[in-house]
Amino acid sequence: MLIFMLAAAMTLAMLIATVFGLHEEAQRVKVENRVRNVQFPRRR
C-alpha cells in the first residue's frame, strides 16, 4: 500500500512540475516575441 501512495505522490509531483515548466516556457516565448516585435516591427 505504501508503494502505491509513493507512486501517486510522485505522479502528482511530476504533473505539477510539468504544468509549471510549460507555464514558464510560455512566458519566455511571449517575452521573446515582444522583443522581436520591438526590434523588427511589422511593416503595414
Protein backbone atom coordinates (compact mmCIF):
# COMPACT_ATOMS: atom_id res chain seq x y z
CA MET A 1 0.00 0.00 0.00
CA LEU A 2 2.87 2.36 0.81
CA ILE A 3 4.43 1.91 -2.62
CA PHE A 4 1.16 2.96 -4.29
CA MET A 5 0.98 6.07 -2.12
CA LEU A 6 4.56 6.96 -3.08
CA ALA A 7 3.82 6.36 -6.76
CA ALA A 8 0.72 8.56 -6.58
CA ALA A 9 2.67 11.31 -4.84
CA MET A 10 5.44 11.17 -7.45
CA THR A 11 2.90 11.24 -10.28
CA LEU A 12 1.23 14.30 -8.79
CA ALA A 13 4.59 15.99 -8.25
CA MET A 14 5.61 15.35 -11.86
CA LEU A 15 2.28 16.72 -13.15
CA ILE A 16 2.74 19.89 -11.12
CA ALA A 17 6.34 20.25 -12.33
CA THR A 18 5.22 19.78 -15.94
CA VAL A 19 2.50 22.43 -15.65
CA PHE A 20 4.96 24.84 -14.04
CA GLY A 21 7.53 24.18 -16.77
CA LEU A 22 5.01 24.72 -19.55
CA HIS A 23 3.86 27.98 -17.98
CA GLU A 24 7.47 29.19 -17.65
CA GLU A 25 8.19 28.27 -21.28
CA ALA A 26 5.08 30.11 -22.49
CA GLN A 27 6.14 33.23 -20.61
CA ARG A 28 9.64 33.04 -22.13
CA VAL A 29 8.25 32.72 -25.66
CA LYS A 30 5.90 35.66 -25.06
CA VAL A 31 8.80 37.86 -23.94
CA GLU A 32 10.92 36.76 -26.92
CA ASN A 33 8.08 37.69 -29.29
CA ARG A 34 7.75 41.13 -27.69
CA VAL A 35 11.49 41.73 -28.03
CA ARG A 36 11.43 40.60 -31.66
CA ASN A 37 8.48 42.90 -32.43
CA VAL A 38 10.29 45.86 -30.90
CA GLN A 39 13.50 45.16 -32.84
CA PHE A 40 11.79 44.35 -36.14
CA PRO A 41 8.32 45.90 -36.20
CA ARG A 42 5.95 44.60 -38.87
CA ARG A 43 5.56 46.85 -41.86
CA ARG A 44 1.96 47.51 -42.92
